[in-house]
């Protein structure tokens, strides 16, 4: 069963811009200081964090049969939301240091393209 809390978060952030998602990640990485850095710096910090963890994401997501099965289906909005939620669940299981909003990271990864993350011949057809 899908994590309903994450699903609600994904649905709330569905129309957020990439910069808004990166901003939230960057803010999480800074630990919510009284005087946060400028928005551009937070966006860049969030983007750098996501890129620096791509290999870990690929190791967790690419072999996951649930991710592959949903990716292989016709990607309606509902299926895309379900895919983002499953990606978020996988991200939450990773030990990658500072906790960031998993819905943000998973939305960004799906928007970037899981095939780009996992390789051109992904998902592997059986």
PDB file of N, CA and C in Angstrom:
ATOM      1  N   UNK A   1       0.836  -1.192   0.000  1.00  0.00           N
ATOM      2  CA  UNK A   1       0.000   0.000   0.000  1.00  0.00           C
ATOM      3  C   UNK A   1       0.876   1.247   0.000  1.00  0.00           C
ATOM      4  N   UNK A   2       0.451   2.230  -0.754  1.00  0.00           N
ATOM      5  CA  UNK A   2       1.225   3.446  -0.900  1.00  0.00           C
ATOM      6  C   UNK A   2       1.176   4.296   0.361  1.00  0.00           C
ATOM      7  N   UNK A   3       2.239   4.981   0.631  1.00  0.00           N
ATOM      8  CA  UNK A   3       2.299   5.891   1.758  1.00  0.00           C
ATOM      9  C   UNK A   3       1.381   7.081   1.475  1.00  0.00           C
ATOM     10  N   UNK A   4       0.257   7.138   2.162  1.00  0.00           N
ATOM     11  CA  UNK A   4      -0.748   8.178   1.887  1.00  0.00           C
ATOM     12  C   UNK A   4      -0.238   9.577   2.215  1.00  0.00           C
ATOM     13  N   UNK A   5       0.588   9.690   3.254  1.00  0.00           N
ATOM     14  CA  UNK A   5       1.143  10.995   3.623  1.00  0.00           C
ATOM     15  C   UNK A   5       2.046  11.535   2.507  1.00  0.00           C
ATOM     16  N   UNK A   6       2.886  10.670   1.980  1.00  0.00           N
ATOM     17  CA  UNK A   6       3.764  11.063   0.874  1.00  0.00           C
ATOM     18  C   UNK A   6       2.925  11.385  -0.361  1.00  0.00           C
ATOM     19  N   UNK A   7       1.897  10.580  -0.618  1.00  0.00           N
ATOM     20  CA  UNK A   7       1.044  10.822  -1.786  1.00  0.00           C
ATOM     21  C   UNK A   7       0.398  12.205  -1.695  1.00  0.00           C
ATOM     22  N   UNK A   8      -0.075  12.568  -0.514  1.00  0.00           N
ATOM     23  CA  UNK A   8      -0.684  13.883  -0.318  1.00  0.00           C
ATOM     24  C   UNK A   8       0.346  14.996  -0.562  1.00  0.00           C
ATOM     25  N   UNK A   9       1.570  14.765  -0.060  1.00  0.00           N
ATOM     26  CA  UNK A   9       2.656  15.736  -0.260  1.00  0.00           C
ATOM     27  C   UNK A   9       2.978  15.903  -1.751  1.00  0.00           C
ATOM     28  N   UNK A  10       3.047  14.775  -2.453  1.00  0.00           N
ATOM     29  CA  UNK A  10       3.330  14.809  -3.896  1.00  0.00           C
ATOM     30  C   UNK A  10       2.228  15.574  -4.625  1.00  0.00           C
ATOM     31  N   UNK A  11       0.992  15.282  -4.298  1.00  0.00           N
ATOM     32  CA  UNK A  11      -0.125  15.975  -4.952  1.00  0.00           C
ATOM     33  C   UNK A  11      -0.091  17.470  -4.676  1.00  0.00           C
ATOM     34  N   UNK A  12       0.277  17.856  -3.448  1.00  0.00           N
ATOM     35  CA  UNK A  12       0.366  19.284  -3.106  1.00  0.00           C
ATOM     36  C   UNK A  12       1.484  19.979  -3.878  1.00  0.00           C
ATOM     37  N   UNK A  13       2.575  19.265  -4.126  1.00  0.00           N
ATOM     38  CA  UNK A  13       3.735  19.868  -4.788  1.00  0.00           C
ATOM     39  C   UNK A  13       3.752  19.631  -6.291  1.00  0.00           C
ATOM     40  N   UNK A  14       2.760  18.927  -6.805  1.00  0.00           N
ATOM     41  CA  UNK A  14       2.731  18.501  -8.206  1.00  0.00           C
ATOM     42  C   UNK A  14       2.993  19.643  -9.173  1.00  0.00           C
ATOM     43  N   UNK A  15       2.405  20.796  -8.941  1.00  0.00           N
ATOM     44  CA  UNK A  15       2.550  21.932  -9.865  1.00  0.00           C
ATOM     45  C   UNK A  15       3.650  22.903  -9.466  1.00  0.00           C
ATOM     46  N   UNK A  16       4.429  22.557  -8.445  1.00  0.00           N
ATOM     47  CA  UNK A  16       5.539  23.420  -8.030  1.00  0.00           C
ATOM     48  C   UNK A  16       6.617  23.434  -9.103  1.00  0.00           C
ATOM     49  N   UNK A  17       7.275  24.555  -9.231  1.00  0.00           N
ATOM     50  CA  UNK A  17       8.387  24.640 -10.184  1.00  0.00           C
ATOM     51  C   UNK A  17       9.583  23.859  -9.643  1.00  0.00           C
ATOM     52  N   UNK A  18      10.488  23.493 -10.530  1.00  0.00           N
ATOM     53  CA  UNK A  18      11.715  22.823 -10.099  1.00  0.00           C
ATOM     54  C   UNK A  18      12.461  23.684  -9.095  1.00  0.00           C
ATOM     55  N   UNK A  19      12.540  24.985  -9.363  1.00  0.00           N
ATOM     56  CA  UNK A  19      13.250  25.879  -8.442  1.00  0.00           C
ATOM     57  C   UNK A  19      12.620  25.870  -7.055  1.00  0.00           C
ATOM     58  N   UNK A  20      11.291  25.821  -6.971  1.00  0.00           N
ATOM     59  CA  UNK A  20      10.637  25.754  -5.663  1.00  0.00           C
ATOM     60  C   UNK A  20      11.007  24.466  -4.931  1.00  0.00           C
ATOM     61  N   UNK A  21      11.064  23.367  -5.674  1.00  0.00           N
ATOM     62  CA  UNK A  21      11.426  22.083  -5.068  1.00  0.00           C
ATOM     63  C   UNK A  21      12.885  22.093  -4.606  1.00  0.00           C
ATOM     64  N   UNK A  22      13.768  22.614  -5.450  1.00  0.00           N
ATOM     65  CA  UNK A  22      15.184  22.727  -5.058  1.00  0.00           C
ATOM     66  C   UNK A  22      15.345  23.664  -3.862  1.00  0.00           C
ATOM     67  N   UNK A  23      14.585  24.748  -3.840  1.00  0.00           N
ATOM     68  CA  UNK A  23      14.635  25.703  -2.730  1.00  0.00           C
ATOM     69  C   UNK A  23      14.319  24.993  -1.408  1.00  0.00           C
ATOM     70  N   UNK A  24      13.238  24.201  -1.385  1.00  0.00           N
ATOM     71  CA  UNK A  24      12.860  23.483  -0.166  1.00  0.00           C
ATOM     72  C   UNK A  24      13.942  22.503   0.265  1.00  0.00           C
ATOM     73  N   UNK A  25      14.560  21.822  -0.706  1.00  0.00           N
ATOM     74  CA  UNK A  25      15.658  20.906  -0.375  1.00  0.00           C
ATOM     75  C   UNK A  25      16.820  21.695   0.213  1.00  0.00           C
ATOM     76  N   UNK A  26      17.184  22.801  -0.444  1.00  0.00           N
ATOM     77  CA  UNK A  26      18.275  23.635   0.052  1.00  0.00           C
ATOM     78  C   UNK A  26      18.012  24.151   1.456  1.00  0.00           C
ATOM     79  N   UNK A  27      16.784  24.551   1.716  1.00  0.00           N
ATOM     80  CA  UNK A  27      16.420  25.053   3.034  1.00  0.00           C
ATOM     81  C   UNK A  27      16.558  23.948   4.082  1.00  0.00           C
ATOM     82  N   UNK A  28      16.169  22.725   3.723  1.00  0.00           N
ATOM     83  CA  UNK A  28      16.327  21.587   4.637  1.00  0.00           C
ATOM     84  C   UNK A  28      17.798  21.332   4.945  1.00  0.00           C
ATOM     85  N   UNK A  29      18.639  21.488   3.939  1.00  0.00           N
ATOM     86  CA  UNK A  29      20.075  21.245   4.125  1.00  0.00           C
ATOM     87  C   UNK A  29      20.718  22.289   5.031  1.00  0.00           C
ATOM     88  N   UNK A  30      20.185  23.502   5.027  1.00  0.00           N
ATOM     89  CA  UNK A  30      20.721  24.562   5.882  1.00  0.00           C
ATOM     90  C   UNK A  30      20.183  24.488   7.303  1.00  0.00           C
ATOM     91  N   UNK A  31      19.194  23.641   7.551  1.00  0.00           N
ATOM     92  CA  UNK A  31      18.699  23.472   8.905  1.00  0.00           C
ATOM     93  C   UNK A  31      17.817  24.609   9.402  1.00  0.00           C
ATOM     94  N   UNK A  32      17.201  25.339   8.503  1.00  0.00           N
ATOM     95  CA  UNK A  32      16.260  26.412   8.843  1.00  0.00           C
ATOM     96  C   UNK A  32      16.870  27.469   9.772  1.00  0.00           C
ATOM     97  N   UNK A  33      17.926  28.127   9.344  1.00  0.00           N
ATOM     98  CA  UNK A  33      18.535  29.174  10.172  1.00  0.00           C
ATOM     99  C   UNK A  33      17.613  30.393  10.283  1.00  0.00           C
ATOM    100  N   UNK A  34      17.864  31.220  11.291  1.00  0.00           N
ATOM    101  CA  UNK A  34      17.061  32.433  11.498  1.00  0.00           C
ATOM    102  C   UNK A  34      17.144  33.350  10.283  1.00  0.00           C
ATOM    103  N   UNK A  35      18.311  33.421   9.676  1.00  0.00           N
ATOM    104  CA  UNK A  35      18.506  34.255   8.483  1.00  0.00           C
ATOM    105  C   UNK A  35      19.020  33.368   7.353  1.00  0.00           C
ATOM    106  N   UNK A  36      18.089  32.761   6.590  1.00  0.00           N
ATOM    107  CA  UNK A  36      18.520  31.853   5.530  1.00  0.00           C
ATOM    108  C   UNK A  36      19.263  32.590   4.417  1.00  0.00           C
ATOM    109  N   UNK A  37      20.104  31.872   3.699  1.00  0.00           N
ATOM    110  CA  UNK A  37      20.809  32.462   2.556  1.00  0.00           C
ATOM    111  C   UNK A  37      19.798  32.892   1.487  1.00  0.00           C
ATOM    112  N   UNK A  38      20.252  33.656   0.506  1.00  0.00           N
ATOM    113  CA  UNK A  38      19.363  34.073  -0.582  1.00  0.00           C
ATOM    114  C   UNK A  38      18.779  32.862  -1.317  1.00  0.00           C
ATOM    115  N   UNK A  39      17.615  33.058  -1.905  1.00  0.00           N
ATOM    116  CA  UNK A  39      16.904  31.979  -2.597  1.00  0.00           C
ATOM    117  C   UNK A  39      17.790  31.299  -3.641  1.00  0.00           C
ATOM    118  N   UNK A  40      18.537  32.079  -4.419  1.00  0.00           N
ATOM    119  CA  UNK A  40      19.379  31.495  -5.470  1.00  0.00           C
ATOM    120  C   UNK A  40      20.402  30.523  -4.882  1.00  0.00           C
ATOM    121  N   UNK A  41      20.939  30.856  -3.722  1.00  0.00           N
ATOM    122  CA  UNK A  41      21.928  29.983  -3.082  1.00  0.00           C
ATOM    123  C   UNK A  41      21.255  28.686  -2.577  1.00  0.00           C
ATOM    124  N   UNK A  42      20.049  28.808  -2.050  1.00  0.00           N
ATOM    125  CA  UNK A  42      19.332  27.626  -1.585  1.00  0.00           C
ATOM    126  C   UNK A  42      18.961  26.710  -2.752  1.00  0.00           C
ATOM    127  N   UNK A  43      18.533  27.308  -3.854  1.00  0.00           N
ATOM    128  CA  UNK A  43      18.200  26.529  -5.050  1.00  0.00           C
ATOM    129  C   UNK A  43      19.433  25.782  -5.546  1.00  0.00           C
ATOM    130  N   UNK A  44      20.561  26.468  -5.602  1.00  0.00           N
ATOM    131  CA  UNK A  44      21.799  25.831  -6.061  1.00  0.00           C
ATOM    132  C   UNK A  44      22.238  24.718  -5.111  1.00  0.00           C
ATOM    133  N   UNK A  45      22.085  24.935  -3.811  1.00  0.00           N
ATOM    134  CA  UNK A  45      22.444  23.914  -2.813  1.00  0.00           C
ATOM    135  C   UNK A  45      21.562  22.671  -2.993  1.00  0.00           C
ATOM    136  N   UNK A  46      20.259  22.884  -3.213  1.00  0.00           N
ATOM    137  CA  UNK A  46      19.347  21.770  -3.441  1.00  0.00           C
ATOM    138  C   UNK A  46      19.689  21.009  -4.708  1.00  0.00           C
ATOM    139  N   UNK A  47      19.994  21.740  -5.768  1.00  0.00           N
ATOM    140  CA  UNK A  47      20.361  21.115  -7.049  1.00  0.00           C
ATOM    141  C   UNK A  47      21.653  20.302  -6.893  1.00  0.00           C
ATOM    142  N   UNK A  48      22.643  20.874  -6.206  1.00  0.00           N
ATOM    143  CA  UNK A  48      23.922  20.184  -6.008  1.00  0.00           C
ATOM    144  C   UNK A  48      23.726  18.907  -5.175  1.00  0.00           C
ATOM    145  N   UNK A  49      22.860  18.980  -4.175  1.00  0.00           N
ATOM    146  CA  UNK A  49      22.591  17.807  -3.341  1.00  0.00           C
ATOM    147  C   UNK A  49      21.979  16.687  -4.177  1.00  0.00           C
ATOM    148  N   UNK A  50      20.985  17.026  -4.989  1.00  0.00           N
ATOM    149  CA  UNK A  50      20.326  16.010  -5.801  1.00  0.00           C
ATOM    150  C   UNK A  50      21.324  15.375  -6.766  1.00  0.00           C
ATOM    151  N   UNK A  51      22.127  16.186  -7.423  1.00  0.00           N
ATOM    152  CA  UNK A  51      23.113  15.664  -8.369  1.00  0.00           C
ATOM    153  C   UNK A  51      24.170  14.801  -7.681  1.00  0.00           C
ATOM    154  N   UNK A  52      24.591  15.216  -6.483  1.00  0.00           N
ATOM    155  CA  UNK A  52      25.637  14.461  -5.790  1.00  0.00           C
ATOM    156  C   UNK A  52      25.137  13.107  -5.281  1.00  0.00           C
ATOM    157  N   UNK A  53      23.835  12.943  -5.197  1.00  0.00           N
ATOM    158  CA  UNK A  53      23.267  11.684  -4.715  1.00  0.00           C
ATOM    159  C   UNK A  53      22.659  10.833  -5.830  1.00  0.00           C
ATOM    160  N   UNK A  54      22.838  11.237  -7.075  1.00  0.00           N
ATOM    161  CA  UNK A  54      22.219  10.507  -8.187  1.00  0.00           C
ATOM    162  C   UNK A  54      22.623   9.042  -8.254  1.00  0.00           C
ATOM    163  N   UNK A  55      23.870   8.736  -7.995  1.00  0.00           N
ATOM    164  CA  UNK A  55      24.317   7.336  -8.056  1.00  0.00           C
ATOM    165  C   UNK A  55      23.595   6.492  -7.013  1.00  0.00           C
ATOM    166  N   UNK A  56      23.406   7.047  -5.820  1.00  0.00           N
ATOM    167  CA  UNK A  56      22.682   6.324  -4.768  1.00  0.00           C
ATOM    168  C   UNK A  56      21.225   6.120  -5.172  1.00  0.00           C
ATOM    169  N   UNK A  57      20.632   7.154  -5.761  1.00  0.00           N
ATOM    170  CA  UNK A  57      19.250   7.031  -6.217  1.00  0.00           C
ATOM    171  C   UNK A  57      19.141   5.951  -7.290  1.00  0.00           C
ATOM    172  N   UNK A  58      20.063   5.951  -8.226  1.00  0.00           N
ATOM    173  CA  UNK A  58      20.039   4.962  -9.305  1.00  0.00           C
ATOM    174  C   UNK A  58      20.156   3.544  -8.748  1.00  0.00           C
ATOM    175  N   UNK A  59      21.041   3.336  -7.770  1.00  0.00           N
ATOM    176  CA  UNK A  59      21.215   2.002  -7.179  1.00  0.00           C
ATOM    177  C   UNK A  59      19.936   1.525  -6.504  1.00  0.00           C
ATOM    178  N   UNK A  60      19.198   2.446  -5.901  1.00  0.00           N
ATOM    179  CA  UNK A  60      17.971   2.072  -5.195  1.00  0.00           C
ATOM    180  C   UNK A  60      16.786   1.934  -6.142  1.00  0.00           C
ATOM    181  N   UNK A  61      16.686   2.818  -7.121  1.00  0.00           N
ATOM    182  CA  UNK A  61      15.481   2.896  -7.944  1.00  0.00           C
ATOM    183  C   UNK A  61      15.506   1.993  -9.170  1.00  0.00           C
ATOM    184  N   UNK A  62      16.619   1.946  -9.862  1.00  0.00           N
ATOM    185  CA  UNK A  62      16.651   1.263 -11.162  1.00  0.00           C
ATOM    186  C   UNK A  62      16.324  -0.226 -11.085  1.00  0.00           C
ATOM    187  N   UNK A  63      16.830  -0.971 -10.098  1.00  0.00           N
ATOM    188  CA  UNK A  63      16.486  -2.391 -10.041  1.00  0.00           C
ATOM    189  C   UNK A  63      15.127  -2.675  -9.378  1.00  0.00           C
ATOM    190  N   UNK A  64      14.480  -1.669  -8.814  1.00  0.00           N
ATOM    191  CA  UNK A  64      13.231  -1.859  -8.075  1.00  0.00           C
ATOM    192  C   UNK A  64      12.108  -2.280  -9.029  1.00  0.00           C
ATOM    193  N   UNK A  65      11.563  -3.495  -8.856  1.00  0.00           N
ATOM    194  CA  UNK A  65      10.524  -3.975  -9.778  1.00  0.00           C
ATOM    195  C   UNK A  65       9.255  -3.118  -9.760  1.00  0.00           C
ATOM    196  N   UNK A  66       8.914  -2.513  -8.608  1.00  0.00           N
ATOM    197  CA  UNK A  66       7.722  -1.653  -8.541  1.00  0.00           C
ATOM    198  C   UNK A  66       7.921  -0.405  -9.398  1.00  0.00           C
ATOM    199  N   UNK A  67       9.117   0.166  -9.352  1.00  0.00           N
ATOM    200  CA  UNK A  67       9.419   1.354 -10.156  1.00  0.00           C
ATOM    201  C   UNK A  67       9.381   0.983 -11.634  1.00  0.00           C
ATOM    202  N   UNK A  68      10.010  -0.133 -11.985  1.00  0.00           N
ATOM    203  CA  UNK A  68      10.036  -0.565 -13.386  1.00  0.00           C
ATOM    204  C   UNK A  68       8.632  -0.850 -13.914  1.00  0.00           C
ATOM    205  N   UNK A  69       7.821  -1.510 -13.104  1.00  0.00           N
ATOM    206  CA  UNK A  69       6.465  -1.868 -13.548  1.00  0.00           C
ATOM    207  C   UNK A  69       5.636  -0.616 -13.804  1.00  0.00           C
ATOM    208  N   UNK A  70       5.670   0.332 -12.887  1.00  0.00           N
ATOM    209  CA  UNK A  70       4.882   1.550 -13.077  1.00  0.00           C
ATOM    210  C   UNK A  70       5.412   2.383 -14.230  1.00  0.00           C
ATOM    211  N   UNK A  71       6.734   2.423 -14.389  1.00  0.00           N
ATOM    212  CA  UNK A  71       7.325   3.192 -15.478  1.00  0.00           C
ATOM    213  C   UNK A  71       6.926   2.611 -16.833  1.00  0.00           C
ATOM    214  N   UNK A  72       6.769   1.289 -16.870  1.00  0.00           N
ATOM    215  CA  UNK A  72       6.439   0.613 -18.120  1.00  0.00           C
ATOM    216  C   UNK A  72       4.980   0.800 -18.526  1.00  0.00           C
ATOM    217  N   UNK A  73       4.127   1.172 -17.564  1.00  0.00           N
ATOM    218  CA  UNK A  73       2.724   1.399 -17.871  1.00  0.00           C
ATOM    219  C   UNK A  73       2.557   2.724 -18.615  1.00  0.00           C
ATOM    220  N   UNK A  74       1.365   2.894 -19.178  1.00  0.00           N
ATOM    221  CA  UNK A  74       1.048   4.183 -19.779  1.00  0.00           C
ATOM    222  C   UNK A  74       1.025   5.198 -18.646  1.00  0.00           C
ATOM    223  N   UNK A  75       1.793   6.263 -18.786  1.00  0.00           N
ATOM    224  CA  UNK A  75       1.971   7.190 -17.679  1.00  0.00           C
ATOM    225  C   UNK A  75       0.923   8.299 -17.689  1.00  0.00           C
ATOM    226  N   UNK A  76      -0.248   7.961 -17.176  1.00  0.00           N
ATOM    227  CA  UNK A  76      -1.279   8.957 -16.943  1.00  0.00           C
ATOM    228  C   UNK A  76      -0.854   9.782 -15.730  1.00  0.00           C
ATOM    229  N   UNK A  77      -1.571  10.850 -15.438  1.00  0.00           N
ATOM    230  CA  UNK A  77      -1.232  11.656 -14.258  1.00  0.00           C
ATOM    231  C   UNK A  77      -1.291  10.802 -13.003  1.00  0.00           C
ATOM    232  N   UNK A  78      -2.309   9.946 -12.878  1.00  0.00           N
ATOM    233  CA  UNK A  78      -2.426   9.092 -11.694  1.00  0.00           C
ATOM    234  C   UNK A  78      -1.231   8.157 -11.587  1.00  0.00           C
ATOM    235  N   UNK A  79      -0.843   7.531 -12.696  1.00  0.00           N
ATOM    236  CA  UNK A  79       0.306   6.628 -12.671  1.00  0.00           C
ATOM    237  C   UNK A  79       1.598   7.386 -12.371  1.00  0.00           C
ATOM    238  N   UNK A  80       1.718   8.597 -12.881  1.00  0.00           N
ATOM    239  CA  UNK A  80       2.909   9.402 -12.586  1.00  0.00           C
ATOM    240  C   UNK A  80       2.976   9.731 -11.098  1.00  0.00           C
ATOM    241  N   UNK A  81       1.845  10.098 -10.517  1.00  0.00           N
ATOM    242  CA  UNK A  81       1.827  10.387  -9.078  1.00  0.00           C
ATOM    243  C   UNK A  81       2.208   9.134  -8.299  1.00  0.00           C
ATOM    244  N   UNK A  82       1.638   7.987  -8.676  1.00  0.00           N
ATOM    245  CA  UNK A  82       1.990   6.724  -8.015  1.00  0.00           C
ATOM    246  C   UNK A  82       3.483   6.427  -8.159  1.00  0.00           C
ATOM    247  N   UNK A  83       4.031   6.677  -9.342  1.00  0.00           N
ATOM    248  CA  UNK A  83       5.459   6.466  -9.580  1.00  0.00           C
ATOM    249  C   UNK A  83       6.290   7.368  -8.676  1.00  0.00           C
ATOM    250  N   UNK A  84       5.914   8.636  -8.579  1.00  0.00           N
ATOM    251  CA  UNK A  84       6.653   9.578  -7.722  1.00  0.00           C
ATOM    252  C   UNK A  84       6.591   9.122  -6.270  1.00  0.00           C
ATOM    253  N   UNK A  85       5.445   8.619  -5.831  1.00  0.00           N
ATOM    254  CA  UNK A  85       5.305   8.147  -4.452  1.00  0.00           C
ATOM    255  C   UNK A  85       6.204   6.933  -4.201  1.00  0.00           C
ATOM    256  N   UNK A  86       6.247   6.002  -5.144  1.00  0.00           N
ATOM    257  CA  UNK A  86       7.113   4.833  -4.986  1.00  0.00           C
ATOM    258  C   UNK A  86       8.581   5.249  -4.978  1.00  0.00           C
ATOM    259  N   UNK A  87       8.946   6.200  -5.819  1.00  0.00           N
ATOM    260  CA  UNK A  87      10.318   6.727  -5.815  1.00  0.00           C
ATOM    261  C   UNK A  87      10.610   7.379  -4.464  1.00  0.00           C
ATOM    262  N   UNK A  88       9.649   8.133  -3.928  1.00  0.00           N
ATOM    263  CA  UNK A  88       9.841   8.774  -2.616  1.00  0.00           C
ATOM    264  C   UNK A  88      10.039   7.728  -1.526  1.00  0.00           C
ATOM    265  N   UNK A  89       9.252   6.654  -1.568  1.00  0.00           N
ATOM    266  CA  UNK A  89       9.420   5.579  -0.578  1.00  0.00           C
ATOM    267  C   UNK A  89      10.828   4.987  -0.650  1.00  0.00           C
ATOM    268  N   UNK A  90      11.325   4.783  -1.853  1.00  0.00           N
ATOM    269  CA  UNK A  90      12.686   4.254  -2.017  1.00  0.00           C
ATOM    270  C   UNK A  90      13.723   5.246  -1.498  1.00  0.00           C
ATOM    271  N   UNK A  91      13.521   6.523  -1.776  1.00  0.00           N
ATOM    272  CA  UNK A  91      14.453   7.551  -1.308  1.00  0.00           C
ATOM    273  C   UNK A  91      14.499   7.574   0.217  1.00  0.00           C
ATOM    274  N   UNK A  92      13.337   7.426   0.839  1.00  0.00           N
ATOM    275  CA  UNK A  92      13.282   7.463   2.304  1.00  0.00           C
ATOM    276  C   UNK A  92      14.057   6.307   2.925  1.00  0.00           C
ATOM    277  N   UNK A  93      14.207   5.203   2.196  1.00  0.00           N
ATOM    278  CA  UNK A  93      14.928   4.052   2.736  1.00  0.00           C
ATOM    279  C   UNK A  93      16.450   4.205   2.614  1.00  0.00           C
ATOM    280  N   UNK A  94      16.897   5.185   1.833  1.00  0.00           N
ATOM    281  CA  UNK A  94      18.336   5.398   1.663  1.00  0.00           C
ATOM    282  C   UNK A  94      18.924   6.131   2.858  1.00  0.00           C
ATOM    283  N   UNK A  95      20.146   5.834   3.166  1.00  0.00           N
ATOM    284  CA  UNK A  95      20.863   6.554   4.225  1.00  0.00           C
ATOM    285  C   UNK A  95      21.761   7.581   3.532  1.00  0.00           C
ATOM    286  N   UNK A  96      21.222   8.797   3.367  1.00  0.00           N
ATOM    287  CA  UNK A  96      21.984   9.806   2.619  1.00  0.00           C
ATOM    288  C   UNK A  96      22.214  11.072   3.427  1.00  0.00           C
ATOM    289  N   UNK A  97      22.235  10.936   4.738  1.00  0.00           N
ATOM    290  CA  UNK A  97      22.565  12.100   5.555  1.00  0.00           C
ATOM    291  C   UNK A  97      21.355  12.946   5.884  1.00  0.00           C
ATOM    292  N   UNK A  98      21.473  14.214   5.647  1.00  0.00           N
ATOM    293  CA  UNK A  98      20.449  15.183   6.023  1.00  0.00           C
ATOM    294  C   UNK A  98      19.107  14.828   5.383  1.00  0.00           C
ATOM    295  N   UNK A  99      18.044  14.767   6.184  1.00  0.00           N
ATOM    296  CA  UNK A  99      16.736  14.467   5.591  1.00  0.00           C
ATOM    297  C   UNK A  99      16.219  15.659   4.785  1.00  0.00           C
ATOM    298  N   UNK A 100      15.783  15.369   3.604  1.00  0.00           N
ATOM    299  CA  UNK A 100      15.182  16.398   2.743  1.00  0.00           C
ATOM    300  C   UNK A 100      13.773  15.932   2.408  1.00  0.00           C
ATOM    301  N   UNK A 101      12.914  16.830   1.928  1.00  0.00           N
ATOM    302  CA  UNK A 101      11.559  16.402   1.577  1.00  0.00           C
ATOM    303  C   UNK A 101      11.589  15.337   0.475  1.00  0.00           C
ATOM    304  N   UNK A 102      11.207  14.091   0.784  1.00  0.00           N
ATOM    305  CA  UNK A 102      11.291  13.031  -0.226  1.00  0.00           C
ATOM    306  C   UNK A 102      10.390  13.289  -1.428  1.00  0.00           C
ATOM    307  N   UNK A 103       9.261  13.958  -1.212  1.00  0.00           N
ATOM    308  CA  UNK A 103       8.371  14.262  -2.340  1.00  0.00           C
ATOM    309  C   UNK A 103       9.075  15.179  -3.328  1.00  0.00           C
ATOM    310  N   UNK A 104       9.832  16.145  -2.821  1.00  0.00           N
ATOM    311  CA  UNK A 104      10.555  17.067  -3.697  1.00  0.00           C
ATOM    312  C   UNK A 104      11.599  16.331  -4.520  1.00  0.00           C
ATOM    313  N   UNK A 105      12.410  15.519  -3.839  1.00  0.00           N
ATOM    314  CA  UNK A 105      13.473  14.800  -4.541  1.00  0.00           C
ATOM    315  C   UNK A 105      12.885  13.842  -5.572  1.00  0.00           C
ATOM    316  N   UNK A 106      11.825  13.134  -5.211  1.00  0.00           N
ATOM    317  CA  UNK A 106      11.253  12.169  -6.152  1.00  0.00           C
ATOM    318  C   UNK A 106      10.593  12.864  -7.340  1.00  0.00           C
ATOM    319  N   UNK A 107       9.905  13.974  -7.104  1.00  0.00           N
ATOM    320  CA  UNK A 107       9.329  14.729  -8.225  1.00  0.00           C
ATOM    321  C   UNK A 107      10.412  15.180  -9.192  1.00  0.00           C
ATOM    322  N   UNK A 108      11.505  15.694  -8.648  1.00  0.00           N
ATOM    323  CA  UNK A 108      12.598  16.166  -9.504  1.00  0.00           C
ATOM    324  C   UNK A 108      13.225  15.011 -10.292  1.00  0.00           C
ATOM    325  N   UNK A 109      13.415  13.868  -9.639  1.00  0.00           N
ATOM    326  CA  UNK A 109      14.013  12.726 -10.338  1.00  0.00           C
ATOM    327  C   UNK A 109      13.109  12.225 -11.457  1.00  0.00           C
ATOM    328  N   UNK A 110      11.810  12.148 -11.209  1.00  0.00           N
ATOM    329  CA  UNK A 110      10.889  11.687 -12.245  1.00  0.00           C
ATOM    330  C   UNK A 110      10.818  12.713 -13.369  1.00  0.00           C
ATOM    331  N   UNK A 111      10.835  13.999 -13.030  1.00  0.00           N
ATOM    332  CA  UNK A 111      10.826  15.035 -14.070  1.00  0.00           C
ATOM    333  C   UNK A 111      12.088  14.987 -14.918  1.00  0.00           C
ATOM    334  N   UNK A 112      13.233  14.721 -14.273  1.00  0.00           N
ATOM    335  CA  UNK A 112      14.493  14.611 -15.032  1.00  0.00           C
ATOM    336  C   UNK A 112      14.443  13.430 -15.978  1.00  0.00           C
ATOM    337  N   UNK A 113      13.773  12.391 -15.535  1.00  0.00           N
ATOM    338  CA  UNK A 113      13.637  11.185 -16.342  1.00  0.00           C
ATOM    339  C   UNK A 113      14.367  10.020 -15.716  1.00  0.00           C
ATOM    340  N   UNK A 114      13.606   8.995 -15.372  1.00  0.00           N
ATOM    341  CA  UNK A 114      14.228   7.810 -14.781  1.00  0.00           C
ATOM    342  C   UNK A 114      15.078   7.067 -15.799  1.00  0.00           C
ATOM    343  N   UNK A 115      14.701   7.149 -17.069  1.00  0.00           N
ATOM    344  CA  UNK A 115      15.521   6.499 -18.092  1.00  0.00           C
ATOM    345  C   UNK A 115      16.891   7.188 -18.163  1.00  0.00           C
ATOM    346  N   UNK A 116      16.919   8.499 -17.987  1.00  0.00           N
ATOM    347  CA  UNK A 116      18.198   9.216 -17.967  1.00  0.00           C
ATOM    348  C   UNK A 116      19.019   8.783 -16.757  1.00  0.00           C
ATOM    349  N   UNK A 117      18.353   8.584 -15.626  1.00  0.00           N
ATOM    350  CA  UNK A 117      19.035   8.168 -14.405  1.00  0.00           C
ATOM    351  C   UNK A 117      19.529   6.730 -14.508  1.00  0.00           C
ATOM    352  N   UNK A 118      18.694   5.857 -15.076  1.00  0.00           N
ATOM    353  CA  UNK A 118      18.969   4.418 -15.060  1.00  0.00           C
ATOM    354  C   UNK A 118      19.639   3.888 -16.323  1.00  0.00           C
ATOM    355  N   UNK A 119      19.645   4.663 -17.379  1.00  0.00           N
ATOM    356  CA  UNK A 119      20.264   4.222 -18.620  1.00  0.00           C
ATOM    357  C   UNK A 119      19.234   4.030 -19.715  1.00  0.00           C
ATOM    358  N   UNK A 120      19.678   4.152 -20.926  1.00  0.00           N
ATOM    359  CA  UNK A 120      18.783   4.147 -22.078  1.00  0.00           C
ATOM    360  C   UNK A 120      18.015   2.838 -22.249  1.00  0.00           C
ATOM    361  N   UNK A 121      18.604   1.719 -21.841  1.00  0.00           N
ATOM    362  CA  UNK A 121      17.945   0.415 -22.015  1.00  0.00           C
ATOM    363  C   UNK A 121      17.086   0.025 -20.817  1.00  0.00           C
ATOM    364  N   UNK A 122      16.783   0.985 -19.965  1.00  0.00           N
ATOM    365  CA  UNK A 122      15.959   0.745 -18.784  1.00  0.00           C
ATOM    366  C   UNK A 122      14.535   1.124 -19.099  1.00  0.00           C
ATOM    367  N   UNK A 123      13.522   0.507 -18.596  1.00  0.00           N
ATOM    368  CA  UNK A 123      13.588  -0.720 -17.803  1.00  0.00           C
ATOM    369  C   UNK A 123      13.870  -1.922 -18.674  1.00  0.00           C
ATOM    370  N   UNK A 124      14.536  -2.880 -18.119  1.00  0.00           N
ATOM    371  CA  UNK A 124      14.913  -4.083 -18.845  1.00  0.00           C
ATOM    372  C   UNK A 124      13.671  -4.917 -19.091  1.00  0.00           C
ATOM    373  N   UNK A 125      13.437  -5.246 -20.341  1.00  0.00           N
ATOM    374  CA  UNK A 125      12.291  -6.088 -20.704  1.00  0.00           C
ATOM    375  C   UNK A 125      12.640  -7.538 -20.443  1.00  0.00           C
ATOM    376  N   UNK A 126      11.688  -8.250 -19.851  1.00  0.00           N
ATOM    377  CA  UNK A 126      11.940  -9.673 -19.544  1.00  0.00           C
ATOM    378  C   UNK A 126      11.272 -10.551 -20.537  1.00  0.00           C
TER     379      UNK A 126
END
